[in-house]
Amino acid sequence: MPKHFKRGVKREHHLLKGIEKVLEEISALKGVKKVIPGRIYSSDSRGFEIKVVRETLTGLKLLAKSNGSVQEIFLIIDKADREKVSKEILQISEKWTKG
């Protein structure tokens, strides 16, 4: 595994509080090659949510929201696996939201 990766998740940047286990679960999905957390922004969000917002050239872009912050998450995924992974992320999000 390349430098800064642990359990399929890049650890070079900060992560939202409570999101580490969710990202590790997403990284274990069949078809997901890499999980790369991006910038963290402040927001008025409450609770926890993670959702797919769009496809990118290399995979999917997610937004994770957690108690006043939002973080971009980029997934490297083959085109053929994107729809299946999107559906699995919805299930993971529902599970973690119910807590």
N, C-alpha and C. Protein backbone atom coordinates (compact mmCIF):
# COMPACT_ATOMS: atom_id res chain seq x y z
N MET A 1 0.86 -1.19 0.00
CA MET A 1 0.00 0.00 0.00
C MET A 1 0.90 1.24 0.00
N PRO A 2 0.56 2.24 -0.80
CA PRO A 2 1.38 3.45 -0.88
C PRO A 2 1.46 4.20 0.46
N LYS A 3 2.43 5.08 0.54
CA LYS A 3 2.64 5.91 1.72
C LYS A 3 1.35 6.65 2.09
N HIS A 4 1.09 6.82 3.36
CA HIS A 4 -0.06 7.53 3.92
C HIS A 4 -1.37 6.75 3.84
N PHE A 5 -1.37 5.53 3.34
CA PHE A 5 -2.61 4.75 3.29
C PHE A 5 -2.63 3.74 4.43
N LYS A 6 -3.79 3.62 5.07
CA LYS A 6 -3.98 2.64 6.14
C LYS A 6 -5.40 2.11 5.97
N ARG A 7 -5.53 0.80 5.83
CA ARG A 7 -6.83 0.15 5.60
C ARG A 7 -7.58 0.76 4.43
N GLY A 8 -6.85 1.11 3.36
CA GLY A 8 -7.45 1.61 2.14
C GLY A 8 -7.81 3.08 2.13
N VAL A 9 -7.53 3.80 3.24
CA VAL A 9 -7.91 5.21 3.36
C VAL A 9 -6.64 6.05 3.49
N LYS A 10 -6.54 7.08 2.66
CA LYS A 10 -5.38 7.97 2.72
C LYS A 10 -5.43 8.76 4.03
N ARG A 11 -4.31 8.80 4.76
CA ARG A 11 -4.26 9.45 6.08
C ARG A 11 -3.35 10.67 6.11
N GLU A 12 -3.15 11.29 4.97
CA GLU A 12 -2.27 12.44 4.90
C GLU A 12 -2.95 13.69 5.46
N HIS A 13 -4.28 13.76 5.37
CA HIS A 13 -5.03 14.92 5.80
C HIS A 13 -5.93 14.56 6.98
N HIS A 14 -6.49 15.56 7.61
CA HIS A 14 -7.40 15.35 8.73
C HIS A 14 -8.69 14.70 8.25
N LEU A 15 -9.37 14.03 9.17
CA LEU A 15 -10.66 13.41 8.90
C LEU A 15 -11.69 14.00 9.84
N LEU A 16 -12.93 14.06 9.37
CA LEU A 16 -14.01 14.47 10.26
C LEU A 16 -14.09 13.51 11.44
N LYS A 17 -14.49 14.04 12.57
CA LYS A 17 -14.64 13.21 13.76
C LYS A 17 -15.67 12.12 13.50
N GLY A 18 -15.32 10.88 13.79
CA GLY A 18 -16.24 9.76 13.66
C GLY A 18 -16.36 9.15 12.27
N ILE A 19 -15.57 9.63 11.31
CA ILE A 19 -15.74 9.14 9.93
C ILE A 19 -14.74 8.03 9.56
N GLU A 20 -13.73 7.84 10.36
CA GLU A 20 -12.67 6.89 10.02
C GLU A 20 -13.20 5.48 9.76
N LYS A 21 -14.04 4.96 10.64
CA LYS A 21 -14.58 3.60 10.48
C LYS A 21 -15.48 3.49 9.25
N VAL A 22 -16.23 4.54 8.96
CA VAL A 22 -17.11 4.54 7.78
C VAL A 22 -16.26 4.46 6.52
N LEU A 23 -15.19 5.25 6.46
CA LEU A 23 -14.32 5.23 5.28
C LEU A 23 -13.61 3.89 5.12
N GLU A 24 -13.24 3.27 6.22
CA GLU A 24 -12.62 1.94 6.14
C GLU A 24 -13.62 0.92 5.60
N GLU A 25 -14.88 1.04 5.99
CA GLU A 25 -15.92 0.14 5.48
C GLU A 25 -16.12 0.37 3.97
N ILE A 26 -16.12 1.63 3.55
CA ILE A 26 -16.26 1.94 2.13
C ILE A 26 -15.05 1.42 1.35
N SER A 27 -13.85 1.56 1.91
CA SER A 27 -12.64 1.11 1.21
C SER A 27 -12.62 -0.40 1.02
N ALA A 28 -13.36 -1.13 1.85
CA ALA A 28 -13.41 -2.59 1.74
C ALA A 28 -14.41 -3.07 0.68
N LEU A 29 -15.22 -2.16 0.13
CA LEU A 29 -16.19 -2.56 -0.90
C LEU A 29 -15.47 -3.03 -2.15
N LYS A 30 -16.02 -4.07 -2.78
CA LYS A 30 -15.46 -4.58 -4.02
C LYS A 30 -15.53 -3.50 -5.10
N GLY A 31 -14.41 -3.22 -5.72
CA GLY A 31 -14.34 -2.21 -6.77
C GLY A 31 -13.71 -0.90 -6.33
N VAL A 32 -13.67 -0.64 -5.02
CA VAL A 32 -13.06 0.59 -4.51
C VAL A 32 -11.56 0.39 -4.42
N LYS A 33 -10.81 1.19 -5.16
CA LYS A 33 -9.34 1.07 -5.17
C LYS A 33 -8.69 1.96 -4.12
N LYS A 34 -9.19 3.20 -4.00
CA LYS A 34 -8.64 4.14 -3.02
C LYS A 34 -9.73 5.05 -2.49
N VAL A 35 -9.56 5.47 -1.24
CA VAL A 35 -10.42 6.46 -0.60
C VAL A 35 -9.52 7.63 -0.22
N ILE A 36 -9.82 8.81 -0.78
CA ILE A 36 -8.95 9.97 -0.58
C ILE A 36 -9.77 11.12 0.02
N PRO A 37 -9.61 11.36 1.33
CA PRO A 37 -10.30 12.49 1.95
C PRO A 37 -9.76 13.81 1.43
N GLY A 38 -10.65 14.79 1.27
CA GLY A 38 -10.26 16.11 0.80
C GLY A 38 -10.44 17.16 1.88
N ARG A 39 -10.72 18.36 1.42
CA ARG A 39 -10.87 19.50 2.32
C ARG A 39 -12.03 19.34 3.29
N ILE A 40 -11.88 20.01 4.42
CA ILE A 40 -12.95 20.10 5.41
C ILE A 40 -13.42 21.55 5.44
N TYR A 41 -14.73 21.73 5.38
CA TYR A 41 -15.35 23.06 5.42
C TYR A 41 -16.29 23.12 6.61
N SER A 42 -16.50 24.32 7.13
CA SER A 42 -17.52 24.47 8.19
C SER A 42 -18.89 24.57 7.53
N SER A 43 -19.90 24.13 8.25
CA SER A 43 -21.27 24.19 7.75
C SER A 43 -22.22 24.23 8.94
N ASP A 44 -23.49 24.29 8.64
CA ASP A 44 -24.49 24.27 9.71
C ASP A 44 -25.11 22.88 9.87
N SER A 45 -24.40 21.85 9.40
CA SER A 45 -24.93 20.48 9.45
C SER A 45 -25.04 19.97 10.88
N ARG A 46 -26.00 19.11 11.10
CA ARG A 46 -26.19 18.44 12.39
C ARG A 46 -26.22 16.95 12.13
N GLY A 47 -25.71 16.18 13.07
CA GLY A 47 -25.72 14.74 12.92
C GLY A 47 -24.69 14.27 11.90
N PHE A 48 -24.89 13.07 11.36
CA PHE A 48 -23.95 12.48 10.44
C PHE A 48 -24.65 12.10 9.14
N GLU A 49 -23.96 12.33 8.02
CA GLU A 49 -24.49 11.92 6.71
C GLU A 49 -23.30 11.77 5.75
N ILE A 50 -23.38 10.77 4.89
CA ILE A 50 -22.40 10.63 3.82
C ILE A 50 -23.17 10.25 2.56
N LYS A 51 -22.89 10.94 1.45
CA LYS A 51 -23.64 10.66 0.23
C LYS A 51 -22.77 10.89 -1.00
N VAL A 52 -23.15 10.19 -2.07
CA VAL A 52 -22.49 10.37 -3.36
C VAL A 52 -23.08 11.62 -4.00
N VAL A 53 -22.21 12.54 -4.46
CA VAL A 53 -22.73 13.76 -5.09
C VAL A 53 -22.53 13.76 -6.60
N ARG A 54 -21.50 13.07 -7.09
CA ARG A 54 -21.33 13.02 -8.55
C ARG A 54 -20.23 12.04 -8.92
N GLU A 55 -20.23 11.69 -10.22
CA GLU A 55 -19.13 10.90 -10.77
C GLU A 55 -18.00 11.85 -11.14
N THR A 56 -16.78 11.34 -11.06
CA THR A 56 -15.61 12.08 -11.52
C THR A 56 -14.95 11.26 -12.63
N LEU A 57 -13.90 11.77 -13.20
CA LEU A 57 -13.19 11.01 -14.24
C LEU A 57 -12.65 9.69 -13.70
N THR A 58 -12.26 9.67 -12.42
CA THR A 58 -11.64 8.48 -11.86
C THR A 58 -12.52 7.69 -10.90
N GLY A 59 -13.73 8.18 -10.62
CA GLY A 59 -14.58 7.45 -9.69
C GLY A 59 -15.77 8.24 -9.23
N LEU A 60 -15.86 8.44 -7.90
CA LEU A 60 -17.00 9.14 -7.31
C LEU A 60 -16.52 10.19 -6.32
N LYS A 61 -17.33 11.25 -6.18
CA LYS A 61 -17.10 12.27 -5.16
C LYS A 61 -18.21 12.13 -4.14
N LEU A 62 -17.83 12.07 -2.87
CA LEU A 62 -18.78 11.99 -1.77
C LEU A 62 -18.69 13.26 -0.93
N LEU A 63 -19.75 13.56 -0.21
CA LEU A 63 -19.71 14.58 0.82
C LEU A 63 -20.09 13.91 2.13
N ALA A 64 -19.27 14.12 3.13
CA ALA A 64 -19.54 13.63 4.47
C ALA A 64 -19.83 14.83 5.36
N LYS A 65 -20.93 14.77 6.10
CA LYS A 65 -21.30 15.85 7.01
C LYS A 65 -21.32 15.31 8.43
N SER A 66 -20.76 16.09 9.34
CA SER A 66 -20.74 15.69 10.73
C SER A 66 -20.64 16.92 11.63
N ASN A 67 -21.69 17.18 12.37
CA ASN A 67 -21.72 18.22 13.40
C ASN A 67 -20.92 19.48 13.09
N GLY A 68 -21.38 20.24 12.12
CA GLY A 68 -20.79 21.53 11.84
C GLY A 68 -19.67 21.53 10.82
N SER A 69 -19.39 20.39 10.19
CA SER A 69 -18.34 20.31 9.19
C SER A 69 -18.75 19.44 8.02
N VAL A 70 -18.16 19.72 6.87
CA VAL A 70 -18.38 18.93 5.65
C VAL A 70 -17.02 18.59 5.07
N GLN A 71 -16.85 17.35 4.63
CA GLN A 71 -15.58 16.94 4.01
C GLN A 71 -15.84 16.26 2.68
N GLU A 72 -15.05 16.65 1.67
CA GLU A 72 -15.10 15.97 0.38
C GLU A 72 -14.32 14.67 0.50
N ILE A 73 -14.85 13.62 -0.10
CA ILE A 73 -14.17 12.32 -0.14
C ILE A 73 -14.17 11.87 -1.60
N PHE A 74 -13.01 11.49 -2.10
CA PHE A 74 -12.90 11.02 -3.48
C PHE A 74 -12.59 9.53 -3.48
N LEU A 75 -13.32 8.79 -4.31
CA LEU A 75 -13.10 7.35 -4.45
C LEU A 75 -12.56 7.06 -5.84
N ILE A 76 -11.54 6.22 -5.90
CA ILE A 76 -11.03 5.75 -7.18
C ILE A 76 -11.71 4.41 -7.42
N ILE A 77 -12.51 4.35 -8.51
CA ILE A 77 -13.33 3.17 -8.81
C ILE A 77 -13.40 3.02 -10.32
N ASP A 78 -13.33 1.77 -10.80
CA ASP A 78 -13.55 1.51 -12.22
C ASP A 78 -14.97 1.88 -12.60
N LYS A 79 -15.15 2.34 -13.82
CA LYS A 79 -16.46 2.78 -14.32
C LYS A 79 -17.53 1.70 -14.15
N ALA A 80 -17.19 0.45 -14.38
CA ALA A 80 -18.16 -0.65 -14.31
C ALA A 80 -18.70 -0.88 -12.89
N ASP A 81 -17.97 -0.46 -11.86
CA ASP A 81 -18.38 -0.71 -10.47
C ASP A 81 -19.07 0.47 -9.81
N ARG A 82 -19.15 1.61 -10.46
CA ARG A 82 -19.62 2.84 -9.81
C ARG A 82 -21.06 2.78 -9.32
N GLU A 83 -21.96 2.26 -10.15
CA GLU A 83 -23.37 2.21 -9.74
C GLU A 83 -23.56 1.29 -8.53
N LYS A 84 -22.92 0.14 -8.57
CA LYS A 84 -23.03 -0.82 -7.45
C LYS A 84 -22.46 -0.21 -6.17
N VAL A 85 -21.30 0.43 -6.27
CA VAL A 85 -20.68 1.04 -5.10
C VAL A 85 -21.55 2.18 -4.57
N SER A 86 -22.15 2.97 -5.45
CA SER A 86 -23.05 4.06 -5.01
C SER A 86 -24.19 3.52 -4.16
N LYS A 87 -24.79 2.42 -4.58
CA LYS A 87 -25.90 1.81 -3.84
C LYS A 87 -25.41 1.29 -2.49
N GLU A 88 -24.23 0.69 -2.46
CA GLU A 88 -23.68 0.17 -1.21
C GLU A 88 -23.35 1.30 -0.24
N ILE A 89 -22.89 2.44 -0.76
CA ILE A 89 -22.60 3.59 0.10
C ILE A 89 -23.89 4.12 0.73
N LEU A 90 -24.99 4.12 -0.02
CA LEU A 90 -26.28 4.53 0.53
C LEU A 90 -26.67 3.64 1.71
N GLN A 91 -26.47 2.34 1.58
CA GLN A 91 -26.78 1.41 2.67
C GLN A 91 -25.87 1.66 3.88
N ILE A 92 -24.59 1.88 3.62
CA ILE A 92 -23.65 2.16 4.71
C ILE A 92 -24.05 3.44 5.43
N SER A 93 -24.39 4.47 4.67
CA SER A 93 -24.80 5.74 5.25
C SER A 93 -26.03 5.58 6.13
N GLU A 94 -27.01 4.84 5.65
CA GLU A 94 -28.23 4.62 6.43
C GLU A 94 -27.91 3.89 7.74
N LYS A 95 -27.02 2.91 7.68
CA LYS A 95 -26.63 2.16 8.86
C LYS A 95 -25.96 3.07 9.90
N TRP A 96 -25.01 3.90 9.44
CA TRP A 96 -24.26 4.78 10.36
C TRP A 96 -25.12 5.94 10.84
N THR A 97 -26.08 6.38 10.04
CA THR A 97 -26.95 7.49 10.45
C THR A 97 -27.85 7.04 11.58
N LYS A 98 -28.32 5.80 11.49
CA LYS A 98 -29.18 5.25 12.55
C LYS A 98 -28.37 4.98 13.80
N GLY A 99 -27.05 4.76 13.59
CA GLY A 99 -26.09 4.63 14.67
C GLY A 99 -26.28 3.49 15.56
